[in-house]
Amino acid sequence: MAASRNIPNVLIILRRFVPVVALSAVLAMAQTPPPDTALTVEEVVKLNRAGFSEELIVTKIKKYAKAFDLSTEELVELKKQGLSDNIIRFLLDPTQPYTPPPPLAAATAQPSKKYPDDSLAILTPSEPGLYLFNAKTPSKVDLKVMLGIHKGKLLKGKSIAYLAGPSAKLRLRTTKPIFYLRLPESKEISDVVLISLLEKGDRRELDGIPGLKTGLNPDDVWPFDQAEVGPKLFKLTPPALTGGEFLFFLVGAAEPDKGTFGKGYDFGVDADSPAKKK
């Protein structure tokens, strides 16, 4: 009878003890790495390429706790693969203490550049080029390629750059045109020169050495006001132009070996008298 009375007590103890044993077994399984989790150098390279932090990769190497016997050639290859010296050191000896690299200092925020208010700046297309506005509608000026010829003897002669056609397609009647120039990232406003072209029959010639700012005839170079009204966007205001053929010449665009002697945006000013520089 005493044995039968103890049976319920045994059942109560088992009910309390069995879940604890089961939980302990689950935790033990989670903490025991499976036999196929051996770390390889290839996996370390893969983690590094995937952008994982050095600290995480070193932690994984230290957890694996086995040194890799790497030859000089293998070390050189790992360096080429982008592994840091720290990661390579822990591959060779995972037992050494690890000190995480100091956090990068936060970059000092640069104040955004302030541009003058200009109602047409926001209407200028984002594509690089020269634009002329009619009211609030921008028109893109064609970019022309200058051709070239050589006059005189091979060594003592000179090269002449020219635009085909007796006159520009874009004709202006205003004496004070205003342009908006969106420059590509590779160009600066100092690379832009306003020049007058010499009308000769069926073409317009550039007097000077194509592609060189210092080689241009100073009498053909016209000053103009420029104001940066947006990122790489400039408002160009030439002086009063009273007649002739003109070109916003891009310095450094000449490639004589390819048959081009420069590039630029051409336009003509229709007036009763030739242009006179002030």
C-alpha atoms as a PDB file:
ATOM      1  CA  MET A   1       0.000   0.000   0.000  1.00  0.00           C
ATOM      2  CA  ALA A   2       2.873   2.424   0.775  1.00  0.00           C
ATOM      3  CA  ALA A   3       4.372   1.806  -2.646  1.00  0.00           C
ATOM      4  CA  SER A   4       1.082   2.584  -4.370  1.00  0.00           C
ATOM      5  CA  ARG A   5       0.744   5.820  -2.413  1.00  0.00           C
ATOM      6  CA  ASN A   6       4.191   6.958  -3.674  1.00  0.00           C
ATOM      7  CA  ILE A   7       3.310   6.505  -7.347  1.00  0.00           C
ATOM      8  CA  PRO A   8       1.563   9.933  -7.753  1.00  0.00           C
ATOM      9  CA  ASN A   9       4.554  11.650  -6.174  1.00  0.00           C
ATOM     10  CA  VAL A  10       6.896   9.982  -8.670  1.00  0.00           C
ATOM     11  CA  LEU A  11       4.691  11.081 -11.574  1.00  0.00           C
ATOM     12  CA  ILE A  12       4.738  14.686 -10.350  1.00  0.00           C
ATOM     13  CA  ILE A  13       8.546  14.626 -10.114  1.00  0.00           C
ATOM     14  CA  LEU A  14       8.836  13.173 -13.648  1.00  0.00           C
ATOM     15  CA  ARG A  15       6.507  15.789 -15.086  1.00  0.00           C
ATOM     16  CA  ARG A  16       8.688  18.541 -13.660  1.00  0.00           C
ATOM     17  CA  PHE A  17      12.005  16.951 -14.485  1.00  0.00           C
ATOM     18  CA  VAL A  18      11.457  15.723 -18.065  1.00  0.00           C
ATOM     19  CA  PRO A  19      10.869  19.207 -19.636  1.00  0.00           C
ATOM     20  CA  VAL A  20      14.057  20.432 -17.967  1.00  0.00           C
ATOM     21  CA  VAL A  21      16.017  17.502 -19.398  1.00  0.00           C
ATOM     22  CA  ALA A  22      14.519  18.077 -22.857  1.00  0.00           C
ATOM     23  CA  LEU A  23      15.373  21.801 -22.748  1.00  0.00           C
ATOM     24  CA  SER A  24      18.920  21.024 -21.654  1.00  0.00           C
ATOM     25  CA  ALA A  25      19.288  18.645 -24.582  1.00  0.00           C
ATOM     26  CA  VAL A  26      18.081  21.278 -27.038  1.00  0.00           C
ATOM     27  CA  LEU A  27      20.493  23.862 -25.658  1.00  0.00           C
ATOM     28  CA  ALA A  28      23.344  21.388 -25.807  1.00  0.00           C
ATOM     29  CA  MET A  29      22.542  20.673 -29.478  1.00  0.00           C
ATOM     30  CA  ALA A  30      22.508  24.391 -30.273  1.00  0.00           C
ATOM     31  CA  GLN A  31      25.871  24.958 -28.577  1.00  0.00           C
ATOM     32  CA  THR A  32      27.578  21.957 -30.149  1.00  0.00           C
ATOM     33  CA  PRO A  33      28.726  22.783 -33.705  1.00  0.00           C
ATOM     34  CA  PRO A  34      27.811  20.167 -36.289  1.00  0.00           C
ATOM     35  CA  PRO A  35      30.742  18.174 -37.594  1.00  0.00           C
ATOM     36  CA  ASP A  36      30.638  19.760 -41.097  1.00  0.00           C
ATOM     37  CA  THR A  37      31.182  23.405 -40.038  1.00  0.00           C
ATOM     38  CA  ALA A  38      34.934  23.412 -40.662  1.00  0.00           C
ATOM     39  CA  LEU A  39      36.027  26.907 -41.680  1.00  0.00           C
ATOM     40  CA  THR A  40      37.978  27.283 -44.915  1.00  0.00           C
ATOM     41  CA  VAL A  41      40.103  30.105 -46.278  1.00  0.00           C
ATOM     42  CA  GLU A  42      37.735  30.333 -49.229  1.00  0.00           C
ATOM     43  CA  GLU A  43      34.838  31.035 -46.853  1.00  0.00           C
ATOM     44  CA  VAL A  44      36.841  33.791 -45.159  1.00  0.00           C
ATOM     45  CA  VAL A  45      37.488  35.415 -48.563  1.00  0.00           C
ATOM     46  CA  LYS A  46      33.786  35.065 -49.392  1.00  0.00           C
ATOM     47  CA  LEU A  47      32.756  36.779 -46.161  1.00  0.00           C
ATOM     48  CA  ASN A  48      35.198  39.611 -46.794  1.00  0.00           C
ATOM     49  CA  ARG A  49      33.921  40.136 -50.342  1.00  0.00           C
ATOM     50  CA  ALA A  50      30.359  40.179 -49.055  1.00  0.00           C
ATOM     51  CA  GLY A  51      31.233  43.207 -46.932  1.00  0.00           C
ATOM     52  CA  PHE A  52      31.217  41.677 -43.449  1.00  0.00           C
ATOM     53  CA  SER A  53      33.227  43.621 -40.883  1.00  0.00           C
ATOM     54  CA  GLU A  54      36.742  42.619 -39.915  1.00  0.00           C
ATOM     55  CA  GLU A  55      35.593  42.118 -36.322  1.00  0.00           C
ATOM     56  CA  LEU A  56      32.935  39.595 -37.332  1.00  0.00           C
ATOM     57  CA  ILE A  57      35.324  37.648 -39.575  1.00  0.00           C
ATOM     58  CA  VAL A  58      37.997  37.527 -36.856  1.00  0.00           C
ATOM     59  CA  THR A  59      35.365  36.348 -34.354  1.00  0.00           C
ATOM     60  CA  LYS A  60      34.488  33.466 -36.664  1.00  0.00           C
ATOM     61  CA  ILE A  61      38.168  32.557 -37.115  1.00  0.00           C
ATOM     62  CA  LYS A  62      38.771  32.613 -33.343  1.00  0.00           C
ATOM     63  CA  LYS A  63      35.689  30.466 -32.780  1.00  0.00           C
ATOM     64  CA  TYR A  64      37.065  27.915 -35.243  1.00  0.00           C
ATOM     65  CA  ALA A  65      40.289  28.053 -33.153  1.00  0.00           C
ATOM     66  CA  LYS A  66      42.512  26.312 -35.652  1.00  0.00           C
ATOM     67  CA  ALA A  67      45.529  27.901 -37.326  1.00  0.00           C
ATOM     68  CA  PHE A  68      45.959  27.699 -41.102  1.00  0.00           C
ATOM     69  CA  ASP A  69      49.349  26.666 -42.505  1.00  0.00           C
ATOM     70  CA  LEU A  70      49.667  29.173 -45.357  1.00  0.00           C
ATOM     71  CA  SER A  71      52.568  29.384 -47.794  1.00  0.00           C
ATOM     72  CA  THR A  72      54.086  32.652 -49.009  1.00  0.00           C
ATOM     73  CA  GLU A  73      52.251  32.331 -52.328  1.00  0.00           C
ATOM     74  CA  GLU A  74      48.958  31.785 -50.523  1.00  0.00           C
ATOM     75  CA  LEU A  75      49.544  34.842 -48.326  1.00  0.00           C
ATOM     76  CA  VAL A  76      50.228  36.970 -51.407  1.00  0.00           C
ATOM     77  CA  GLU A  77      47.056  35.677 -53.056  1.00  0.00           C
ATOM     78  CA  LEU A  78      44.955  36.424 -49.958  1.00  0.00           C
ATOM     79  CA  LYS A  79      46.306  39.977 -49.960  1.00  0.00           C
ATOM     80  CA  LYS A  80      45.319  40.317 -53.616  1.00  0.00           C
ATOM     81  CA  GLN A  81      41.846  39.066 -52.688  1.00  0.00           C
ATOM     82  CA  GLY A  82      41.467  42.026 -50.334  1.00  0.00           C
ATOM     83  CA  LEU A  83      41.970  40.460 -46.913  1.00  0.00           C
ATOM     84  CA  SER A  84      43.358  42.851 -44.312  1.00  0.00           C
ATOM     85  CA  ASP A  85      46.614  42.149 -42.484  1.00  0.00           C
ATOM     86  CA  ASN A  86      44.614  41.617 -39.283  1.00  0.00           C
ATOM     87  CA  ILE A  87      42.449  38.865 -40.785  1.00  0.00           C
ATOM     88  CA  ILE A  88      45.505  37.134 -42.255  1.00  0.00           C
ATOM     89  CA  ARG A  89      47.285  37.282 -38.866  1.00  0.00           C
ATOM     90  CA  PHE A  90      44.346  35.545 -37.177  1.00  0.00           C
ATOM     91  CA  LEU A  91      44.248  32.880 -39.871  1.00  0.00           C
ATOM     92  CA  LEU A  92      47.852  32.098 -38.919  1.00  0.00           C
ATOM     93  CA  ASP A  93      47.272  32.387 -35.150  1.00  0.00           C
ATOM     94  CA  PRO A  94      43.679  32.603 -33.886  1.00  0.00           C
ATOM     95  CA  THR A  95      44.770  32.501 -30.226  1.00  0.00           C
ATOM     96  CA  GLN A  96      46.094  36.070 -30.098  1.00  0.00           C
ATOM     97  CA  PRO A  97      43.884  38.759 -28.525  1.00  0.00           C
ATOM     98  CA  TYR A  98      41.879  40.894 -30.898  1.00  0.00           C
ATOM     99  CA  THR A  99      41.501  44.658 -30.609  1.00  0.00           C
ATOM    100  CA  PRO A 100      38.820  46.092 -32.922  1.00  0.00           C
ATOM    101  CA  PRO A 101      39.991  48.996 -35.090  1.00  0.00           C
ATOM    102  CA  PRO A 102      38.919  52.419 -33.837  1.00  0.00           C
ATOM    103  CA  PRO A 103      35.715  53.711 -35.421  1.00  0.00           C
ATOM    104  CA  LEU A 104      36.173  56.085 -38.323  1.00  0.00           C
ATOM    105  CA  ALA A 105      35.819  59.687 -37.346  1.00  0.00           C
ATOM    106  CA  ALA A 106      32.605  61.131 -38.630  1.00  0.00           C
ATOM    107  CA  ALA A 107      33.237  63.316 -41.635  1.00  0.00           C
ATOM    108  CA  THR A 108      32.660  66.955 -40.986  1.00  0.00           C
ATOM    109  CA  ALA A 109      29.512  67.945 -42.776  1.00  0.00           C
ATOM    110  CA  GLN A 110      30.242  70.495 -45.455  1.00  0.00           C
ATOM    111  CA  PRO A 111      27.677  73.257 -45.808  1.00  0.00           C
ATOM    112  CA  SER A 112      25.787  73.031 -49.070  1.00  0.00           C
ATOM    113  CA  LYS A 113      26.840  75.564 -51.659  1.00  0.00           C
ATOM    114  CA  LYS A 114      24.573  78.568 -51.996  1.00  0.00           C
ATOM    115  CA  TYR A 115      23.644  79.654 -55.498  1.00  0.00           C
ATOM    116  CA  PRO A 116      22.084  82.965 -56.500  1.00  0.00           C
ATOM    117  CA  ASP A 117      18.370  82.990 -57.219  1.00  0.00           C
ATOM    118  CA  ASP A 118      17.727  82.447 -60.904  1.00  0.00           C
ATOM    119  CA  SER A 119      14.289  81.584 -62.253  1.00  0.00           C
ATOM    120  CA  LEU A 120      15.698  79.893 -65.370  1.00  0.00           C
ATOM    121  CA  ALA A 121      18.310  77.776 -63.608  1.00  0.00           C
ATOM    122  CA  ILE A 122      15.746  75.245 -62.406  1.00  0.00           C
ATOM    123  CA  LEU A 123      14.335  75.039 -65.949  1.00  0.00           C
ATOM    124  CA  THR A 124      17.703  74.180 -67.500  1.00  0.00           C
ATOM    125  CA  PRO A 125      17.916  70.479 -68.450  1.00  0.00           C
ATOM    126  CA  SER A 126      20.348  68.286 -66.494  1.00  0.00           C
ATOM    127  CA  GLU A 127      22.074  67.076 -69.664  1.00  0.00           C
ATOM    128  CA  PRO A 128      25.386  68.855 -70.341  1.00  0.00           C
ATOM    129  CA  GLY A 129      25.149  71.453 -73.089  1.00  0.00           C
ATOM    130  CA  LEU A 130      24.555  75.100 -73.990  1.00  0.00           C
ATOM    131  CA  TYR A 131      20.979  76.358 -73.725  1.00  0.00           C
ATOM    132  CA  LEU A 132      19.196  79.477 -74.933  1.00  0.00           C
ATOM    133  CA  PHE A 133      15.807  80.404 -73.512  1.00  0.00           C
ATOM    134  CA  ASN A 134      12.782  81.706 -75.380  1.00  0.00           C
ATOM    135  CA  ALA A 135      10.639  82.989 -72.521  1.00  0.00           C
ATOM    136  CA  LYS A 136      10.808  79.937 -70.218  1.00  0.00           C
ATOM    137  CA  THR A 137      11.460  77.295 -72.876  1.00  0.00           C
ATOM    138  CA  PRO A 138      15.091  76.131 -73.259  1.00  0.00           C
ATOM    139  CA  SER A 139      16.544  75.282 -76.658  1.00  0.00           C
ATOM    140  CA  LYS A 140      19.750  73.286 -76.839  1.00  0.00           C
ATOM    141  CA  VAL A 141      22.518  74.681 -79.031  1.00  0.00           C
ATOM    142  CA  ASP A 142      24.176  72.083 -81.257  1.00  0.00           C
ATOM    143  CA  LEU A 143      27.701  70.987 -80.362  1.00  0.00           C
ATOM    144  CA  LYS A 144      29.821  71.250 -83.509  1.00  0.00           C
ATOM    145  CA  VAL A 145      33.055  69.477 -84.391  1.00  0.00           C
ATOM    146  CA  MET A 146      35.786  71.561 -85.987  1.00  0.00           C
ATOM    147  CA  LEU A 147      37.652  70.146 -88.953  1.00  0.00           C
ATOM    148  CA  GLY A 148      41.149  71.173 -89.992  1.00  0.00           C
ATOM    149  CA  ILE A 149      43.485  71.687 -92.910  1.00  0.00           C
ATOM    150  CA  HIS A 150      47.223  72.255 -93.129  1.00  0.00           C
ATOM    151  CA  LYS A 151      48.513  75.198 -95.161  1.00  0.00           C
ATOM    152  CA  GLY A 152      52.067  75.642 -96.360  1.00  0.00           C
ATOM    153  CA  LYS A 153      54.992  73.275 -95.980  1.00  0.00           C
ATOM    154  CA  LEU A 154      54.774  70.332 -93.617  1.00  0.00           C
ATOM    155  CA  LEU A 155      57.095  71.778 -90.967  1.00  0.00           C
ATOM    156  CA  LYS A 156      56.738  75.520 -91.580  1.00  0.00           C
ATOM    157  CA  GLY A 157      53.050  75.635 -92.426  1.00  0.00           C
ATOM    158  CA  LYS A 158      50.171  75.940 -90.002  1.00  0.00           C
ATOM    159  CA  SER A 159      46.959  74.079 -89.216  1.00  0.00           C
ATOM    160  CA  ILE A 160      43.661  75.889 -89.566  1.00  0.00           C
ATOM    161  CA  ALA A 161      40.539  74.741 -87.758  1.00  0.00           C
ATOM    162  CA  TYR A 162      37.177  75.544 -89.251  1.00  0.00           C
ATOM    163  CA  LEU A 163      33.452  74.907 -89.123  1.00  0.00           C
ATOM    164  CA  ALA A 164      31.721  73.824 -92.313  1.00  0.00           C
ATOM    165  CA  GLY A 165      29.111  76.202 -93.671  1.00  0.00           C
ATOM    166  CA  PRO A 166      29.183  79.958 -94.217  1.00  0.00           C
ATOM    167  CA  SER A 167      27.075  80.720 -91.139  1.00  0.00           C
ATOM    168  CA  ALA A 168      25.667  79.176 -87.979  1.00  0.00           C
ATOM    169  CA  LYS A 169      22.186  77.709 -87.989  1.00  0.00           C
ATOM    170  CA  LEU A 170      21.325  79.558 -84.778  1.00  0.00           C
ATOM    171  CA  ARG A 171      20.731  83.233 -85.606  1.00  0.00           C
ATOM    172  CA  LEU A 172      20.281  85.879 -82.917  1.00  0.00           C
ATOM    173  CA  ARG A 173      18.946  89.394 -83.321  1.00  0.00           C
ATOM    174  CA  THR A 174      19.499  90.462 -79.742  1.00  0.00           C
ATOM    175  CA  THR A 175      22.770  92.252 -79.072  1.00  0.00           C
ATOM    176  CA  LYS A 176      23.052  90.844 -75.541  1.00  0.00           C
ATOM    177  CA  PRO A 177      22.188  87.140 -75.593  1.00  0.00           C
ATOM    178  CA  ILE A 178      22.207  85.183 -72.347  1.00  0.00           C
ATOM    179  CA  PHE A 179      23.140  81.506 -72.348  1.00  0.00           C
ATOM    180  CA  TYR A 180      23.047  78.751 -69.753  1.00  0.00           C
ATOM    181  CA  LEU A 181      25.894  76.254 -69.929  1.00  0.00           C
ATOM    182  CA  ARG A 182      25.705  72.906 -68.147  1.00  0.00           C
ATOM    183  CA  LEU A 183      29.225  71.490 -68.012  1.00  0.00           C
ATOM    184  CA  PRO A 184      30.152  67.809 -67.780  1.00  0.00           C
ATOM    185  CA  GLU A 185      32.078  66.749 -64.684  1.00  0.00           C
ATOM    186  CA  SER A 186      35.346  66.659 -66.623  1.00  0.00           C
ATOM    187  CA  LYS A 187      35.157  70.321 -67.673  1.00  0.00           C
ATOM    188  CA  GLU A 188      35.605  73.625 -65.856  1.00  0.00           C
ATOM    189  CA  ILE A 189      34.289  77.044 -66.849  1.00  0.00           C
ATOM    190  CA  SER A 190      37.901  78.101 -67.454  1.00  0.00           C
ATOM    191  CA  ASP A 191      37.910  75.627 -70.368  1.00  0.00           C
ATOM    192  CA  VAL A 192      35.304  77.694 -72.219  1.00  0.00           C
ATOM    193  CA  VAL A 193      36.315  80.584 -74.489  1.00  0.00           C
ATOM    194  CA  LEU A 194      34.090  82.830 -76.596  1.00  0.00           C
ATOM    195  CA  ILE A 195      35.728  83.538 -79.942  1.00  0.00           C
ATOM    196  CA  SER A 196      34.728  85.175 -83.192  1.00  0.00           C
ATOM    197  CA  LEU A 197      35.184  83.190 -86.393  1.00  0.00           C
ATOM    198  CA  LEU A 198      36.518  84.453 -89.686  1.00  0.00           C
ATOM    199  CA  GLU A 199      34.010  84.010 -92.512  1.00  0.00           C
ATOM    200  CA  LYS A 200      35.712  82.525 -95.556  1.00  0.00           C
ATOM    201  CA  GLY A 201      33.502  81.292 -98.372  1.00  0.00           C
ATOM    202  CA  ASP A 202      31.769  78.101 -97.374  1.00  0.00           C
ATOM    203  CA  ARG A 203      33.349  77.866 -93.936  1.00  0.00           C
ATOM    204  CA  ARG A 204      34.211  79.784 -90.762  1.00  0.00           C
ATOM    205  CA  GLU A 205      37.824  79.623 -89.636  1.00  0.00           C
ATOM    206  CA  LEU A 206      39.491  79.819 -86.238  1.00  0.00           C
ATOM    207  CA  ASP A 207      42.636  81.897 -86.185  1.00  0.00           C
ATOM    208  CA  GLY A 208      45.140  80.278 -83.847  1.00  0.00           C
ATOM    209  CA  ILE A 209      46.378  76.898 -82.656  1.00  0.00           C
ATOM    210  CA  PRO A 210      43.396  74.519 -82.328  1.00  0.00           C
ATOM    211  CA  GLY A 211      42.838  73.179 -78.827  1.00  0.00           C
ATOM    212  CA  LEU A 212      45.176  75.580 -77.025  1.00  0.00           C
ATOM    213  CA  LYS A 213      43.824  78.562 -75.129  1.00  0.00           C
ATOM    214  CA  THR A 214      47.168  80.334 -75.258  1.00  0.00           C
ATOM    215  CA  GLY A 215      47.411  79.802 -79.013  1.00  0.00           C
ATOM    216  CA  LEU A 216      44.244  81.712 -79.885  1.00  0.00           C
ATOM    217  CA  ASN A 217      44.432  85.140 -81.444  1.00  0.00           C
ATOM    218  CA  PRO A 218      43.701  87.581 -78.580  1.00  0.00           C
ATOM    219  CA  ASP A 219      41.811  89.848 -80.981  1.00  0.00           C
ATOM    220  CA  ASP A 220      39.291  87.039 -81.557  1.00  0.00           C
ATOM    221  CA  VAL A 221      38.718  86.213 -77.878  1.00  0.00           C
ATOM    222  CA  TRP A 222      35.700  87.897 -76.291  1.00  0.00           C
ATOM    223  CA  PRO A 223      35.296  88.259 -72.529  1.00  0.00           C
ATOM    224  CA  PHE A 224      31.996  87.279 -70.974  1.00  0.00           C
ATOM    225  CA  ASP A 225      30.490  87.359 -67.522  1.00  0.00           C
ATOM    226  CA  GLN A 226      29.806  84.016 -65.912  1.00  0.00           C
ATOM    227  CA  ALA A 227      27.865  83.189 -62.752  1.00  0.00           C
ATOM    228  CA  GLU A 228      27.432  79.723 -61.291  1.00  0.00           C
ATOM    229  CA  VAL A 229      23.697  79.360 -60.700  1.00  0.00           C
ATOM    230  CA  GLY A 230      23.628  75.615 -60.004  1.00  0.00           C
ATOM    231  CA  PRO A 231      25.853  72.518 -59.839  1.00  0.00           C
ATOM    232  CA  LYS A 232      28.071  72.775 -62.951  1.00  0.00           C
ATOM    233  CA  LEU A 233      25.560  75.254 -64.380  1.00  0.00           C
ATOM    234  CA  PHE A 234      26.715  78.712 -65.470  1.00  0.00           C
ATOM    235  CA  LYS A 235      24.869  81.743 -66.722  1.00  0.00           C
ATOM    236  CA  LEU A 236      26.939  83.296 -69.523  1.00  0.00           C
ATOM    237  CA  THR A 237      26.478  86.948 -70.463  1.00  0.00           C
ATOM    238  CA  PRO A 238      28.653  88.131 -73.366  1.00  0.00           C
ATOM    239  CA  PRO A 239      29.217  91.827 -74.029  1.00  0.00           C
ATOM    240  CA  ALA A 240      27.152  93.614 -76.670  1.00  0.00           C
ATOM    241  CA  LEU A 241      27.645  91.733 -79.933  1.00  0.00           C
ATOM    242  CA  THR A 242      26.753  93.759 -83.011  1.00  0.00           C
ATOM    243  CA  GLY A 243      27.258  91.202 -85.742  1.00  0.00           C
ATOM    244  CA  GLY A 244      29.266  88.179 -86.878  1.00  0.00           C
ATOM    245  CA  GLU A 245      29.891  84.465 -86.315  1.00  0.00           C
ATOM    246  CA  PHE A 246      30.792  83.225 -82.843  1.00  0.00           C
ATOM    247  CA  LEU A 247      31.738  80.050 -81.033  1.00  0.00           C
ATOM    248  CA  PHE A 248      31.855  78.999 -77.387  1.00  0.00           C
ATOM    249  CA  PHE A 249      35.043  76.997 -77.855  1.00  0.00           C
ATOM    250  CA  LEU A 250      35.853  74.053 -75.536  1.00  0.00           C
ATOM    251  CA  VAL A 251      39.567  74.105 -74.846  1.00  0.00           C
ATOM    252  CA  GLY A 252      41.226  70.693 -74.887  1.00  0.00           C
ATOM    253  CA  ALA A 253      38.632  68.991 -77.106  1.00  0.00           C
ATOM    254  CA  ALA A 254      40.893  68.777 -80.166  1.00  0.00           C
ATOM    255  CA  GLU A 255      42.025  65.347 -81.390  1.00  0.00           C
ATOM    256  CA  PRO A 256      44.077  66.011 -84.552  1.00  0.00           C
ATOM    257  CA  ASP A 257      45.061  62.356 -84.903  1.00  0.00           C
ATOM    258  CA  LYS A 258      41.336  61.592 -85.295  1.00  0.00           C
ATOM    259  CA  GLY A 259      40.762  64.462 -87.700  1.00  0.00           C
ATOM    260  CA  THR A 260      39.027  66.795 -85.236  1.00  0.00           C
ATOM    261  CA  PHE A 261      40.453  70.185 -84.278  1.00  0.00           C
ATOM    262  CA  GLY A 262      38.123  71.082 -81.443  1.00  0.00           C
ATOM    263  CA  LYS A 263      34.488  71.326 -80.433  1.00  0.00           C
ATOM    264  CA  GLY A 264      32.173  74.179 -79.573  1.00  0.00           C
ATOM    265  CA  TYR A 265      28.729  75.758 -79.705  1.00  0.00           C
ATOM    266  CA  ASP A 266      28.304  78.133 -82.658  1.00  0.00           C
ATOM    267  CA  PHE A 267      25.838  80.958 -83.181  1.00  0.00           C
ATOM    268  CA  GLY A 268      25.554  84.058 -85.315  1.00  0.00           C
ATOM    269  CA  VAL A 269      24.448  87.582 -84.497  1.00  0.00           C
ATOM    270  CA  ASP A 270      22.588  89.401 -87.293  1.00  0.00           C
ATOM    271  CA  ALA A 271      23.269  93.118 -87.160  1.00  0.00           C
ATOM    272  CA  ASP A 272      23.928  95.991 -89.525  1.00  0.00           C
ATOM    273  CA  SER A 273      27.624  96.243 -88.634  1.00  0.00           C
ATOM    274  CA  PRO A 274      30.386  93.742 -87.759  1.00  0.00           C
ATOM    275  CA  ALA A 275      30.989  92.987 -84.103  1.00  0.00           C
ATOM    276  CA  LYS A 276      33.405  95.242 -82.247  1.00  0.00           C
ATOM    277  CA  LYS A 277      34.866  94.064 -78.962  1.00  0.00           C
ATOM    278  CA  LYS A 278      34.600  96.494 -76.079  1.00  0.00           C
END
